[in-house]
PDB file of N, CA and C in Angstrom:
ATOM      1  N   UNK A   1      63.454 -27.790 155.812  1.00  0.00           N
ATOM      2  CA  UNK A   1      63.948 -26.500 155.404  1.00  0.00           C
ATOM      3  C   UNK A   1      62.832 -25.760 154.679  1.00  0.00           C
ATOM      4  N   UNK A   2      62.313 -24.675 155.235  1.00  0.00           N
ATOM      5  CA  UNK A   2      61.232 -23.942 154.591  1.00  0.00           C
ATOM      6  C   UNK A   2      61.723 -23.190 153.364  1.00  0.00           C
ATOM      7  N   UNK A   3      60.821 -23.000 152.432  1.00  0.00           N
ATOM      8  CA  UNK A   3      61.149 -22.280 151.205  1.00  0.00           C
ATOM      9  C   UNK A   3      61.173 -20.779 151.483  1.00  0.00           C
ATOM     10  N   UNK A   4      61.917 -20.087 150.646  1.00  0.00           N
ATOM     11  CA  UNK A   4      61.944 -18.629 150.742  1.00  0.00           C
ATOM     12  C   UNK A   4      60.592 -18.078 150.324  1.00  0.00           C
ATOM     13  N   UNK A   5      60.174 -17.024 150.977  1.00  0.00           N
ATOM     14  CA  UNK A   5      58.921 -16.372 150.598  1.00  0.00           C
ATOM     15  C   UNK A   5      59.038 -15.824 149.189  1.00  0.00           C
ATOM     16  N   UNK A   6      57.916 -15.764 148.513  1.00  0.00           N
ATOM     17  CA  UNK A   6      57.848 -15.206 147.171  1.00  0.00           C
ATOM     18  C   UNK A   6      58.556 -16.050 146.118  1.00  0.00           C
ATOM     19  N   UNK A   7      58.760 -17.330 146.375  1.00  0.00           N
ATOM     20  CA  UNK A   7      59.304 -18.231 145.366  1.00  0.00           C
ATOM     21  C   UNK A   7      58.140 -18.760 144.548  1.00  0.00           C
ATOM     22  N   UNK A   8      58.243 -18.623 143.224  1.00  0.00           N
ATOM     23  CA  UNK A   8      57.162 -19.041 142.329  1.00  0.00           C
ATOM     24  C   UNK A   8      57.666 -20.104 141.363  1.00  0.00           C
ATOM     25  N   UNK A   9      56.888 -21.177 141.250  1.00  0.00           N
ATOM     26  CA  UNK A   9      57.219 -22.308 140.391  1.00  0.00           C
ATOM     27  C   UNK A   9      56.193 -22.394 139.271  1.00  0.00           C
ATOM     28  N   UNK A  10      56.666 -22.534 138.029  1.00  0.00           N
ATOM     29  CA  UNK A  10      55.772 -22.802 136.901  1.00  0.00           C
ATOM     30  C   UNK A  10      55.641 -24.314 136.770  1.00  0.00           C
ATOM     31  N   UNK A  11      54.401 -24.804 136.756  1.00  0.00           N
ATOM     32  CA  UNK A  11      54.129 -26.236 136.603  1.00  0.00           C
ATOM     33  C   UNK A  11      53.505 -26.441 135.227  1.00  0.00           C
ATOM     34  N   UNK A  12      54.169 -27.236 134.394  1.00  0.00           N
ATOM     35  CA  UNK A  12      53.705 -27.474 133.031  1.00  0.00           C
ATOM     36  C   UNK A  12      53.461 -28.963 132.854  1.00  0.00           C
ATOM     37  N   UNK A  13      52.192 -29.328 132.721  1.00  0.00           N
ATOM     38  CA  UNK A  13      51.809 -30.730 132.541  1.00  0.00           C
ATOM     39  C   UNK A  13      50.418 -30.744 131.932  1.00  0.00           C
ATOM     40  N   UNK A  14      50.166 -31.677 131.025  1.00  0.00           N
ATOM     41  CA  UNK A  14      48.844 -31.731 130.399  1.00  0.00           C
ATOM     42  C   UNK A  14      47.811 -32.462 131.242  1.00  0.00           C
ATOM     43  N   UNK A  15      48.202 -32.943 132.409  1.00  0.00           N
ATOM     44  CA  UNK A  15      47.290 -33.599 133.346  1.00  0.00           C
ATOM     45  C   UNK A  15      46.842 -32.571 134.395  1.00  0.00           C
ATOM     46  N   UNK A  16      45.607 -32.091 134.263  1.00  0.00           N
ATOM     47  CA  UNK A  16      45.105 -31.049 135.158  1.00  0.00           C
ATOM     48  C   UNK A  16      45.127 -31.490 136.614  1.00  0.00           C
ATOM     49  N   UNK A  17      44.735 -32.747 136.883  1.00  0.00           N
ATOM     50  CA  UNK A  17      44.722 -33.245 138.261  1.00  0.00           C
ATOM     51  C   UNK A  17      46.126 -33.181 138.862  1.00  0.00           C
ATOM     52  N   UNK A  18      47.127 -33.593 138.103  1.00  0.00           N
ATOM     53  CA  UNK A  18      48.493 -33.561 138.609  1.00  0.00           C
ATOM     54  C   UNK A  18      48.948 -32.122 138.849  1.00  0.00           C
ATOM     55  N   UNK A  19      48.648 -31.226 137.907  1.00  0.00           N
ATOM     56  CA  UNK A  19      49.022 -29.811 138.096  1.00  0.00           C
ATOM     57  C   UNK A  19      48.450 -29.270 139.400  1.00  0.00           C
ATOM     58  N   UNK A  20      47.171 -29.527 139.625  1.00  0.00           N
ATOM     59  CA  UNK A  20      46.520 -29.004 140.828  1.00  0.00           C
ATOM     60  C   UNK A  20      47.047 -29.674 142.091  1.00  0.00           C
ATOM     61  N   UNK A  21      47.351 -30.964 142.017  1.00  0.00           N
ATOM     62  CA  UNK A  21      47.917 -31.670 143.176  1.00  0.00           C
ATOM     63  C   UNK A  21      49.292 -31.112 143.527  1.00  0.00           C
ATOM     64  N   UNK A  22      50.100 -30.870 142.504  1.00  0.00           N
ATOM     65  CA  UNK A  22      51.422 -30.284 142.750  1.00  0.00           C
ATOM     66  C   UNK A  22      51.297 -28.878 143.322  1.00  0.00           C
ATOM     67  N   UNK A  23      50.345 -28.111 142.826  1.00  0.00           N
ATOM     68  CA  UNK A  23      50.122 -26.771 143.353  1.00  0.00           C
ATOM     69  C   UNK A  23      49.772 -26.839 144.844  1.00  0.00           C
ATOM     70  N   UNK A  24      48.897 -27.764 145.209  1.00  0.00           N
ATOM     71  CA  UNK A  24      48.533 -27.925 146.618  1.00  0.00           C
ATOM     72  C   UNK A  24      49.753 -28.278 147.466  1.00  0.00           C
ATOM     73  N   UNK A  25      50.570 -29.210 146.972  1.00  0.00           N
ATOM     74  CA  UNK A  25      51.771 -29.614 147.701  1.00  0.00           C
ATOM     75  C   UNK A  25      52.712 -28.420 147.885  1.00  0.00           C
ATOM     76  N   UNK A  26      52.955 -27.687 146.820  1.00  0.00           N
ATOM     77  CA  UNK A  26      53.869 -26.554 146.905  1.00  0.00           C
ATOM     78  C   UNK A  26      53.350 -25.480 147.855  1.00  0.00           C
ATOM     79  N   UNK A  27      52.037 -25.262 147.858  1.00  0.00           N
ATOM     80  CA  UNK A  27      51.463 -24.277 148.778  1.00  0.00           C
ATOM     81  C   UNK A  27      51.726 -24.649 150.225  1.00  0.00           C
ATOM     82  N   UNK A  28      51.692 -25.945 150.552  1.00  0.00           N
ATOM     83  CA  UNK A  28      51.960 -26.358 151.936  1.00  0.00           C
ATOM     84  C   UNK A  28      53.395 -26.063 152.333  1.00  0.00           C
ATOM     85  N   UNK A  29      54.276 -25.881 151.331  1.00  0.00           N
ATOM     86  CA  UNK A  29      55.679 -25.575 151.585  1.00  0.00           C
ATOM     87  C   UNK A  29      55.973 -24.079 151.452  1.00  0.00           C
ATOM     88  N   UNK A  30      54.930 -23.271 151.252  1.00  0.00           N
ATOM     89  CA  UNK A  30      55.111 -21.832 151.135  1.00  0.00           C
ATOM     90  C   UNK A  30      55.543 -21.365 149.757  1.00  0.00           C
ATOM     91  N   UNK A  31      55.341 -22.217 148.759  1.00  0.00           N
ATOM     92  CA  UNK A  31      55.726 -21.874 147.387  1.00  0.00           C
ATOM     93  C   UNK A  31      54.497 -21.524 146.567  1.00  0.00           C
ATOM     94  N   UNK A  32      54.598 -20.475 145.790  1.00  0.00           N
ATOM     95  CA  UNK A  32      53.535 -20.097 144.853  1.00  0.00           C
ATOM     96  C   UNK A  32      53.737 -20.900 143.577  1.00  0.00           C
ATOM     97  N   UNK A  33      52.667 -21.043 142.788  1.00  0.00           N
ATOM     98  CA  UNK A  33      52.825 -21.722 141.505  1.00  0.00           C
ATOM     99  C   UNK A  33      51.887 -21.130 140.470  1.00  0.00           C
ATOM    100  N   UNK A  34      52.293 -21.292 139.233  1.00  0.00           N
ATOM    101  CA  UNK A  34      51.481 -20.936 138.074  1.00  0.00           C
ATOM    102  C   UNK A  34      51.343 -22.194 137.244  1.00  0.00           C
ATOM    103  N   UNK A  35      50.129 -22.453 136.775  1.00  0.00           N
ATOM    104  CA  UNK A  35      49.846 -23.706 136.087  1.00  0.00           C
ATOM    105  C   UNK A  35      49.658 -23.500 134.587  1.00  0.00           C
ATOM    106  N   UNK A  36      50.230 -24.421 133.815  1.00  0.00           N
ATOM    107  CA  UNK A  36      50.125 -24.391 132.360  1.00  0.00           C
ATOM    108  C   UNK A  36      49.844 -25.804 131.861  1.00  0.00           C
ATOM    109  N   UNK A  37      48.892 -25.925 130.927  1.00  0.00           N
ATOM    110  CA  UNK A  37      48.493 -27.225 130.401  1.00  0.00           C
ATOM    111  C   UNK A  37      49.338 -27.726 129.251  1.00  0.00           C
ATOM    112  N   UNK A  38      50.232 -26.865 128.739  1.00  0.00           N
ATOM    113  CA  UNK A  38      51.100 -27.286 127.634  1.00  0.00           C
ATOM    114  C   UNK A  38      52.324 -26.384 127.589  1.00  0.00           C
ATOM    115  N   UNK A  39      53.347 -26.882 126.921  1.00  0.00           N
ATOM    116  CA  UNK A  39      54.557 -26.082 126.722  1.00  0.00           C
ATOM    117  C   UNK A  39      54.246 -24.863 125.865  1.00  0.00           C
ATOM    118  N   UNK A  40      53.378 -25.048 124.878  1.00  0.00           N
ATOM    119  CA  UNK A  40      53.011 -23.937 124.005  1.00  0.00           C
ATOM    120  C   UNK A  40      52.324 -22.826 124.784  1.00  0.00           C
ATOM    121  N   UNK A  41      51.396 -23.188 125.670  1.00  0.00           N
ATOM    122  CA  UNK A  41      50.716 -22.189 126.500  1.00  0.00           C
ATOM    123  C   UNK A  41      51.731 -21.438 127.359  1.00  0.00           C
ATOM    124  N   UNK A  42      52.651 -22.170 127.949  1.00  0.00           N
ATOM    125  CA  UNK A  42      53.694 -21.570 128.781  1.00  0.00           C
ATOM    126  C   UNK A  42      54.514 -20.563 127.980  1.00  0.00           C
ATOM    127  N   UNK A  43      54.944 -20.936 126.779  1.00  0.00           N
ATOM    128  CA  UNK A  43      55.743 -20.040 125.944  1.00  0.00           C
ATOM    129  C   UNK A  43      54.922 -18.851 125.457  1.00  0.00           C
ATOM    130  N   UNK A  44      53.668 -19.108 125.040  1.00  0.00           N
ATOM    131  CA  UNK A  44      52.802 -18.024 124.552  1.00  0.00           C
ATOM    132  C   UNK A  44      52.584 -16.955 125.609  1.00  0.00           C
ATOM    133  N   UNK A  45      52.545 -17.367 126.860  1.00  0.00           N
ATOM    134  CA  UNK A  45      52.296 -16.433 127.964  1.00  0.00           C
ATOM    135  C   UNK A  45      53.590 -15.934 128.613  1.00  0.00           C
ATOM    136  N   UNK A  46      54.733 -16.235 127.987  1.00  0.00           N
ATOM    137  CA  UNK A  46      56.032 -15.879 128.580  1.00  0.00           C
ATOM    138  C   UNK A  46      56.102 -16.328 130.032  1.00  0.00           C
ATOM    139  N   UNK A  47      55.698 -17.573 130.268  1.00  0.00           N
ATOM    140  CA  UNK A  47      55.612 -18.117 131.621  1.00  0.00           C
ATOM    141  C   UNK A  47      56.918 -18.127 132.381  1.00  0.00           C
ATOM    142  N   UNK A  48      58.029 -18.027 131.678  1.00  0.00           N
ATOM    143  CA  UNK A  48      59.340 -18.035 132.329  1.00  0.00           C
ATOM    144  C   UNK A  48      59.655 -16.702 132.990  1.00  0.00           C
ATOM    145  N   UNK A  49      58.900 -15.646 132.650  1.00  0.00           N
ATOM    146  CA  UNK A  49      59.111 -14.351 133.295  1.00  0.00           C
ATOM    147  C   UNK A  49      58.479 -14.368 134.688  1.00  0.00           C
ATOM    148  N   UNK A  50      59.251 -13.987 135.676  1.00  0.00           N
ATOM    149  CA  UNK A  50      58.713 -13.857 137.026  1.00  0.00           C
ATOM    150  C   UNK A  50      58.569 -15.154 137.793  1.00  0.00           C
ATOM    151  N   UNK A  51      59.182 -16.238 137.295  1.00  0.00           N
ATOM    152  CA  UNK A  51      59.185 -17.478 138.064  1.00  0.00           C
ATOM    153  C   UNK A  51      60.617 -17.811 138.460  1.00  0.00           C
ATOM    154  N   UNK A  52      60.743 -18.555 139.536  1.00  0.00           N
ATOM    155  CA  UNK A  52      62.059 -18.906 140.070  1.00  0.00           C
ATOM    156  C   UNK A  52      62.522 -20.286 139.633  1.00  0.00           C
ATOM    157  N   UNK A  53      61.571 -21.103 139.164  1.00  0.00           N
ATOM    158  CA  UNK A  53      61.880 -22.472 138.768  1.00  0.00           C
ATOM    159  C   UNK A  53      60.743 -22.979 137.884  1.00  0.00           C
ATOM    160  N   UNK A  54      61.086 -23.884 136.966  1.00  0.00           N
ATOM    161  CA  UNK A  54      60.107 -24.460 136.050  1.00  0.00           C
ATOM    162  C   UNK A  54      60.108 -25.969 136.250  1.00  0.00           C
ATOM    163  N   UNK A  55      58.915 -26.535 136.415  1.00  0.00           N
ATOM    164  CA  UNK A  55      58.727 -27.978 136.555  1.00  0.00           C
ATOM    165  C   UNK A  55      57.905 -28.427 135.360  1.00  0.00           C
ATOM    166  N   UNK A  56      58.523 -29.196 134.455  1.00  0.00           N
ATOM    167  CA  UNK A  56      57.861 -29.566 133.210  1.00  0.00           C
ATOM    168  C   UNK A  56      57.852 -31.078 133.001  1.00  0.00           C
ATOM    169  N   UNK A  57      56.728 -31.576 132.506  1.00  0.00           N
ATOM    170  CA  UNK A  57      56.596 -32.987 132.163  1.00  0.00           C
ATOM    171  C   UNK A  57      57.299 -33.251 130.838  1.00  0.00           C
ATOM    172  N   UNK A  58      57.768 -34.473 130.650  1.00  0.00           N
ATOM    173  CA  UNK A  58      58.395 -34.839 129.374  1.00  0.00           C
ATOM    174  C   UNK A  58      57.340 -35.029 128.302  1.00  0.00           C
ATOM    175  N   UNK A  59      56.379 -35.899 128.553  1.00  0.00           N
ATOM    176  CA  UNK A  59      55.395 -36.257 127.525  1.00  0.00           C
ATOM    177  C   UNK A  59      54.103 -35.488 127.730  1.00  0.00           C
ATOM    178  N   UNK A  60      53.862 -34.570 126.802  1.00  0.00           N
ATOM    179  CA  UNK A  60      52.637 -33.783 126.821  1.00  0.00           C
ATOM    180  C   UNK A  60      52.094 -33.728 125.403  1.00  0.00           C
ATOM    181  N   UNK A  61      50.832 -33.379 125.293  1.00  0.00           N
ATOM    182  CA  UNK A  61      50.251 -33.139 123.986  1.00  0.00           C
ATOM    183  C   UNK A  61      50.992 -31.958 123.370  1.00  0.00           C
ATOM    184  N   UNK A  62      51.411 -32.088 122.129  1.00  0.00           N
ATOM    185  CA  UNK A  62      52.184 -31.025 121.497  1.00  0.00           C
ATOM    186  C   UNK A  62      53.652 -31.160 121.847  1.00  0.00           C
ATOM    187  N   UNK A  63      54.260 -30.032 122.164  1.00  0.00           N
ATOM    188  CA  UNK A  63      55.692 -29.984 122.455  1.00  0.00           C
ATOM    189  C   UNK A  63      56.037 -30.754 123.724  1.00  0.00           C
ATOM    190  N   UNK A  64      57.139 -31.490 123.695  1.00  0.00           N
ATOM    191  CA  UNK A  64      57.583 -32.239 124.870  1.00  0.00           C
ATOM    192  C   UNK A  64      58.348 -31.334 125.831  1.00  0.00           C
ATOM    193  N   UNK A  65      58.514 -31.809 127.038  1.00  0.00           N
ATOM    194  CA  UNK A  65      59.299 -31.077 128.020  1.00  0.00           C
ATOM    195  C   UNK A  65      60.756 -30.940 127.613  1.00  0.00           C
ATOM    196  N   UNK A  66      61.292 -31.934 126.905  1.00  0.00           N
ATOM    197  CA  UNK A  66      62.679 -31.869 126.428  1.00  0.00           C
ATOM    198  C   UNK A  66      62.809 -30.785 125.355  1.00  0.00           C
ATOM    199  N   UNK A  67      61.837 -30.718 124.442  1.00  0.00           N
ATOM    200  CA  UNK A  67      61.851 -29.658 123.420  1.00  0.00           C
ATOM    201  C   UNK A  67      61.735 -28.280 124.080  1.00  0.00           C
ATOM    202  N   UNK A  68      60.865 -28.176 125.079  1.00  0.00           N
ATOM    203  CA  UNK A  68      60.717 -26.921 125.816  1.00  0.00           C
ATOM    204  C   UNK A  68      62.035 -26.541 126.482  1.00  0.00           C
ATOM    205  N   UNK A  69      62.696 -27.490 127.097  1.00  0.00           N
ATOM    206  CA  UNK A  69      63.978 -27.242 127.749  1.00  0.00           C
ATOM    207  C   UNK A  69      64.981 -26.668 126.749  1.00  0.00           C
ATOM    208  N   UNK A  70      65.041 -27.234 125.557  1.00  0.00           N
ATOM    209  CA  UNK A  70      65.968 -26.739 124.527  1.00  0.00           C
ATOM    210  C   UNK A  70      65.680 -25.277 124.174  1.00  0.00           C
ATOM    211  N   UNK A  71      64.413 -24.927 124.066  1.00  0.00           N
ATOM    212  CA  UNK A  71      64.034 -23.542 123.766  1.00  0.00           C
ATOM    213  C   UNK A  71      64.387 -22.622 124.925  1.00  0.00           C
ATOM    214  N   UNK A  72      64.069 -23.047 126.132  1.00  0.00           N
ATOM    215  CA  UNK A  72      64.312 -22.205 127.305  1.00  0.00           C
ATOM    216  C   UNK A  72      65.785 -21.938 127.535  1.00  0.00           C
ATOM    217  N   UNK A  73      66.633 -22.902 127.225  1.00  0.00           N
ATOM    218  CA  UNK A  73      68.069 -22.734 127.447  1.00  0.00           C
ATOM    219  C   UNK A  73      68.642 -21.623 126.565  1.00  0.00           C
ATOM    220  N   UNK A  74      67.934 -21.225 125.511  1.00  0.00           N
ATOM    221  CA  UNK A  74      68.412 -20.159 124.625  1.00  0.00           C
ATOM    222  C   UNK A  74      68.009 -18.774 125.133  1.00  0.00           C
ATOM    223  N   UNK A  75      67.172 -18.710 126.142  1.00  0.00           N
ATOM    224  CA  UNK A  75      66.673 -17.433 126.650  1.00  0.00           C
ATOM    225  C   UNK A  75      67.559 -16.938 127.795  1.00  0.00           C
ATOM    226  N   UNK A  76      67.926 -15.671 127.726  1.00  0.00           N
ATOM    227  CA  UNK A  76      68.746 -15.070 128.782  1.00  0.00           C
ATOM    228  C   UNK A  76      67.971 -15.066 130.097  1.00  0.00           C
ATOM    229  N   UNK A  77      68.664 -15.418 131.170  1.00  0.00           N
ATOM    230  CA  UNK A  77      68.061 -15.357 132.487  1.00  0.00           C
ATOM    231  C   UNK A  77      66.973 -16.375 132.735  1.00  0.00           C
ATOM    232  N   UNK A  78      66.964 -17.454 131.960  1.00  0.00           N
ATOM    233  CA  UNK A  78      65.939 -18.488 132.156  1.00  0.00           C
ATOM    234  C   UNK A  78      66.114 -19.141 133.523  1.00  0.00           C
ATOM    235  N   UNK A  79      65.020 -19.305 134.265  1.00  0.00           N
ATOM    236  CA  UNK A  79      65.126 -19.967 135.564  1.00  0.00           C
ATOM    237  C   UNK A  79      65.470 -21.447 135.394  1.00  0.00           C
ATOM    238  N   UNK A  80      65.908 -22.086 136.470  1.00  0.00           N
ATOM    239  CA  UNK A  80      66.228 -23.508 136.386  1.00  0.00           C
ATOM    240  C   UNK A  80      64.994 -24.336 136.014  1.00  0.00           C
ATOM    241  N   UNK A  81      65.252 -25.430 135.288  1.00  0.00           N
ATOM    242  CA  UNK A  81      64.185 -26.311 134.819  1.00  0.00           C
ATOM    243  C   UNK A  81      64.373 -27.692 135.442  1.00  0.00           C
ATOM    244  N   UNK A  82      63.287 -28.206 136.024  1.00  0.00           N
ATOM    245  CA  UNK A  82      63.238 -29.583 136.518  1.00  0.00           C
ATOM    246  C   UNK A  82      62.331 -30.362 135.574  1.00  0.00           C
ATOM    247  N   UNK A  83      62.755 -31.546 135.177  1.00  0.00           N
ATOM    248  CA  UNK A  83      61.971 -32.379 134.276  1.00  0.00           C
ATOM    249  C   UNK A  83      61.372 -33.531 135.077  1.00  0.00           C
ATOM    250  N   UNK A  84      60.095 -33.816 134.820  1.00  0.00           N
ATOM    251  CA  UNK A  84      59.417 -34.945 135.471  1.00  0.00           C
ATOM    252  C   UNK A  84      58.811 -35.838 134.394  1.00  0.00           C
ATOM    253  N   UNK A  85      58.714 -37.143 134.708  1.00  0.00           N
ATOM    254  CA  UNK A  85      58.153 -38.069 133.731  1.00  0.00           C
ATOM    255  C   UNK A  85      57.677 -39.355 134.380  1.00  0.00           C
ATOM    256  N   UNK A  86      56.688 -39.954 133.742  1.00  0.00           N
ATOM    257  CA  UNK A  86      56.237 -41.295 134.123  1.00  0.00           C
ATOM    258  C   UNK A  86      57.009 -42.353 133.355  1.00  0.00           C
ATOM    259  N   UNK A  87      57.788 -41.921 132.382  1.00  0.00           N
ATOM    260  CA  UNK A  87      58.477 -42.835 131.471  1.00  0.00           C
ATOM    261  C   UNK A  87      59.986 -42.695 131.608  1.00  0.00           C
ATOM    262  N   UNK A  88      60.461 -42.774 132.834  1.00  0.00           N
ATOM    263  CA  UNK A  88      61.886 -42.563 133.092  1.00  0.00           C
ATOM    264  C   UNK A  88      62.726 -43.710 132.546  1.00  0.00           C
ATOM    265  N   UNK A  89      63.769 -43.356 131.838  1.00  0.00           N
ATOM    266  CA  UNK A  89      64.788 -44.323 131.455  1.00  0.00           C
ATOM    267  C   UNK A  89      66.116 -43.586 131.423  1.00  0.00           C
ATOM    268  N   UNK A  90      67.201 -44.341 131.404  1.00  0.00           N
ATOM    269  CA  UNK A  90      68.521 -43.725 131.506  1.00  0.00           C
ATOM    270  C   UNK A  90      68.818 -42.782 130.340  1.00  0.00           C
ATOM    271  N   UNK A  91      68.369 -43.150 129.137  1.00  0.00           N
ATOM    272  CA  UNK A  91      68.611 -42.307 127.971  1.00  0.00           C
ATOM    273  C   UNK A  91      67.913 -40.967 128.090  1.00  0.00           C
ATOM    274  N   UNK A  92      66.654 -41.007 128.531  1.00  0.00           N
ATOM    275  CA  UNK A  92      65.888 -39.763 128.683  1.00  0.00           C
ATOM    276  C   UNK A  92      66.492 -38.910 129.789  1.00  0.00           C
ATOM    277  N   UNK A  93      66.895 -39.555 130.881  1.00  0.00           N
ATOM    278  CA  UNK A  93      67.535 -38.833 131.994  1.00  0.00           C
ATOM    279  C   UNK A  93      68.793 -38.124 131.490  1.00  0.00           C
ATOM    280  N   UNK A  94      69.625 -38.841 130.752  1.00  0.00           N
ATOM    281  CA  UNK A  94      70.871 -38.271 130.235  1.00  0.00           C
ATOM    282  C   UNK A  94      70.578 -37.101 129.289  1.00  0.00           C
ATOM    283  N   UNK A  95      69.586 -37.256 128.420  1.00  0.00           N
ATOM    284  CA  UNK A  95      69.215 -36.193 127.485  1.00  0.00           C
ATOM    285  C   UNK A  95      68.775 -34.944 128.240  1.00  0.00           C
ATOM    286  N   UNK A  96      67.933 -35.128 129.248  1.00  0.00           N
ATOM    287  CA  UNK A  96      67.435 -33.987 130.026  1.00  0.00           C
ATOM    288  C   UNK A  96      68.563 -33.282 130.772  1.00  0.00           C
ATOM    289  N   UNK A  97      69.406 -34.042 131.425  1.00  0.00           N
ATOM    290  CA  UNK A  97      70.480 -33.436 132.213  1.00  0.00           C
ATOM    291  C   UNK A  97      71.532 -32.780 131.308  1.00  0.00           C
ATOM    292  N   UNK A  98      71.850 -33.428 130.191  1.00  0.00           N
ATOM    293  CA  UNK A  98      72.769 -32.811 129.218  1.00  0.00           C
ATOM    294  C   UNK A  98      72.174 -31.524 128.648  1.00  0.00           C
ATOM    295  N   UNK A  99      70.848 -31.511 128.521  1.00  0.00           N
ATOM    296  CA  UNK A  99      70.159 -30.338 127.979  1.00  0.00           C
ATOM    297  C   UNK A  99      70.026 -29.194 128.955  1.00  0.00           C
ATOM    298  N   UNK A 100      70.457 -29.399 130.189  1.00  0.00           N
ATOM    299  CA  UNK A 100      70.451 -28.315 131.155  1.00  0.00           C
ATOM    300  C   UNK A 100      69.448 -28.446 132.287  1.00  0.00           C
ATOM    301  N   UNK A 101      68.691 -29.548 132.333  1.00  0.00           N
ATOM    302  CA  UNK A 101      67.756 -29.731 133.447  1.00  0.00           C
ATOM    303  C   UNK A 101      68.534 -29.837 134.752  1.00  0.00           C
ATOM    304  N   UNK A 102      68.007 -29.227 135.800  1.00  0.00           N
ATOM    305  CA  UNK A 102      68.650 -29.269 137.109  1.00  0.00           C
ATOM    306  C   UNK A 102      68.319 -30.550 137.871  1.00  0.00           C
ATOM    307  N   UNK A 103      67.226 -31.211 137.468  1.00  0.00           N
ATOM    308  CA  UNK A 103      66.845 -32.481 138.092  1.00  0.00           C
ATOM    309  C   UNK A 103      65.958 -33.242 137.120  1.00  0.00           C
ATOM    310  N   UNK A 104      65.934 -34.556 137.285  1.00  0.00           N
ATOM    311  CA  UNK A 104      65.093 -35.448 136.488  1.00  0.00           C
ATOM    312  C   UNK A 104      64.336 -36.305 137.489  1.00  0.00           C
ATOM    313  N   UNK A 105      63.024 -36.099 137.588  1.00  0.00           N
ATOM    314  CA  UNK A 105      62.206 -36.721 138.620  1.00  0.00           C
ATOM    315  C   UNK A 105      61.220 -37.711 138.010  1.00  0.00           C
ATOM    316  N   UNK A 106      61.214 -38.925 138.547  1.00  0.00           N
ATOM    317  CA  UNK A 106      60.302 -39.955 138.060  1.00  0.00           C
ATOM    318  C   UNK A 106      58.977 -39.868 138.815  1.00  0.00           C
ATOM    319  N   UNK A 107      57.868 -39.967 138.057  1.00  0.00           N
ATOM    320  CA  UNK A 107      56.535 -40.022 138.662  1.00  0.00           C
ATOM    321  C   UNK A 107      56.245 -41.478 139.017  1.00  0.00           C
ATOM    322  N   UNK A 108      55.519 -41.733 140.072  1.00  0.00           N
ATOM    323  CA  UNK A 108      55.048 -40.742 141.047  1.00  0.00           C
ATOM    324  C   UNK A 108      56.233 -40.192 141.830  1.00  0.00           C
ATOM    325  N   UNK A 109      56.212 -38.892 142.021  1.00  0.00           N
ATOM    326  CA  UNK A 109      57.323 -38.225 142.684  1.00  0.00           C
ATOM    327  C   UNK A 109      57.183 -38.295 144.193  1.00  0.00           C
ATOM    328  N   UNK A 110      58.315 -38.464 144.839  1.00  0.00           N
ATOM    329  CA  UNK A 110      58.379 -38.362 146.284  1.00  0.00           C
ATOM    330  C   UNK A 110      58.316 -36.872 146.618  1.00  0.00           C
ATOM    331  N   UNK A 111      57.385 -36.473 147.460  1.00  0.00           N
ATOM    332  CA  UNK A 111      57.181 -35.051 147.730  1.00  0.00           C
ATOM    333  C   UNK A 111      58.419 -34.387 148.325  1.00  0.00           C
ATOM    334  N   UNK A 112      59.140 -35.093 149.199  1.00  0.00           N
ATOM    335  CA  UNK A 112      60.353 -34.510 149.791  1.00  0.00           C
ATOM    336  C   UNK A 112      61.421 -34.305 148.730  1.00  0.00           C
ATOM    337  N   UNK A 113      61.573 -35.292 147.840  1.00  0.00           N
ATOM    338  CA  UNK A 113      62.567 -35.181 146.774  1.00  0.00           C
ATOM    339  C   UNK A 113      62.235 -34.002 145.858  1.00  0.00           C
ATOM    340  N   UNK A 114      60.956 -33.822 145.556  1.00  0.00           N
ATOM    341  CA  UNK A 114      60.539 -32.712 144.715  1.00  0.00           C
ATOM    342  C   UNK A 114      60.879 -31.375 145.381  1.00  0.00           C
ATOM    343  N   UNK A 115      60.486 -31.213 146.625  1.00  0.00           N
ATOM    344  CA  UNK A 115      60.736 -29.955 147.342  1.00  0.00           C
ATOM    345  C   UNK A 115      62.241 -29.703 147.455  1.00  0.00           C
ATOM    346  N   UNK A 116      63.005 -30.737 147.795  1.00  0.00           N
ATOM    347  CA  UNK A 116      64.455 -30.571 147.908  1.00  0.00           C
ATOM    348  C   UNK A 116      65.072 -30.188 146.563  1.00  0.00           C
ATOM    349  N   UNK A 117      64.574 -30.770 145.478  1.00  0.00           N
ATOM    350  CA  UNK A 117      65.082 -30.439 144.139  1.00  0.00           C
ATOM    351  C   UNK A 117      64.782 -28.985 143.796  1.00  0.00           C
ATOM    352  N   UNK A 118      63.587 -28.527 144.138  1.00  0.00           N
ATOM    353  CA  UNK A 118      63.210 -27.127 143.887  1.00  0.00           C
ATOM    354  C   UNK A 118      64.100 -26.194 144.714  1.00  0.00           C
ATOM    355  N   UNK A 119      64.254 -26.499 145.985  1.00  0.00           N
ATOM    356  CA  UNK A 119      65.062 -25.638 146.854  1.00  0.00           C
ATOM    357  C   UNK A 119      66.513 -25.601 146.392  1.00  0.00           C
ATOM    358  N   UNK A 120      67.031 -26.754 145.978  1.00  0.00           N
ATOM    359  CA  UNK A 120      68.403 -26.796 145.471  1.00  0.00           C
ATOM    360  C   UNK A 120      68.539 -25.970 144.194  1.00  0.00           C
ATOM    361  N   UNK A 121      67.579 -26.120 143.288  1.00  0.00           N
ATOM    362  CA  UNK A 121      67.630 -25.414 141.997  1.00  0.00           C
ATOM    363  C   UNK A 121      67.506 -23.906 142.176  1.00  0.00           C
ATOM    364  N   UNK A 122      66.734 -23.476 143.155  1.00  0.00           N
ATOM    365  CA  UNK A 122      66.500 -22.041 143.343  1.00  0.00           C
ATOM    366  C   UNK A 122      67.509 -21.417 144.322  1.00  0.00           C
ATOM    367  N   UNK A 123      68.347 -22.257 144.903  1.00  0.00           N
ATOM    368  CA  UNK A 123      69.363 -21.746 145.808  1.00  0.00           C
ATOM    369  C   UNK A 123      68.846 -21.413 147.191  1.00  0.00           C
ATOM    370  N   UNK A 124      67.619 -21.871 147.521  1.00  0.00           N
ATOM    371  CA  UNK A 124      67.046 -21.609 148.852  1.00  0.00           C
ATOM    372  C   UNK A 124      67.569 -22.589 149.879  1.00  0.00           C
TER     373      UNK A 124
END
């Protein structure tokens, strides 16, 4: 299922290689992306404006993806948030989903699962 044109995903992770790899993957699916190295950078730049979905890591230098999710849920019109982590456990999954995450993805992520989660979250 191809993605809708003009769909933009914000990728927030402190691992530059992973951010760029995800950007490459999304481009092959027709999705645009904006890259951020931290939750603080994303918030400082109002990264949630003009994006259709947010993909955020749990463990980053500074603010965590869960803390970011809590802040974003207070903003009107916030796009859906997908949480990704290398440290998946049931408690963290429950916290993320209760906090409003549309998906909780364990790294290394299956590319099809990631794309399907994005398409589901954005309604494409």
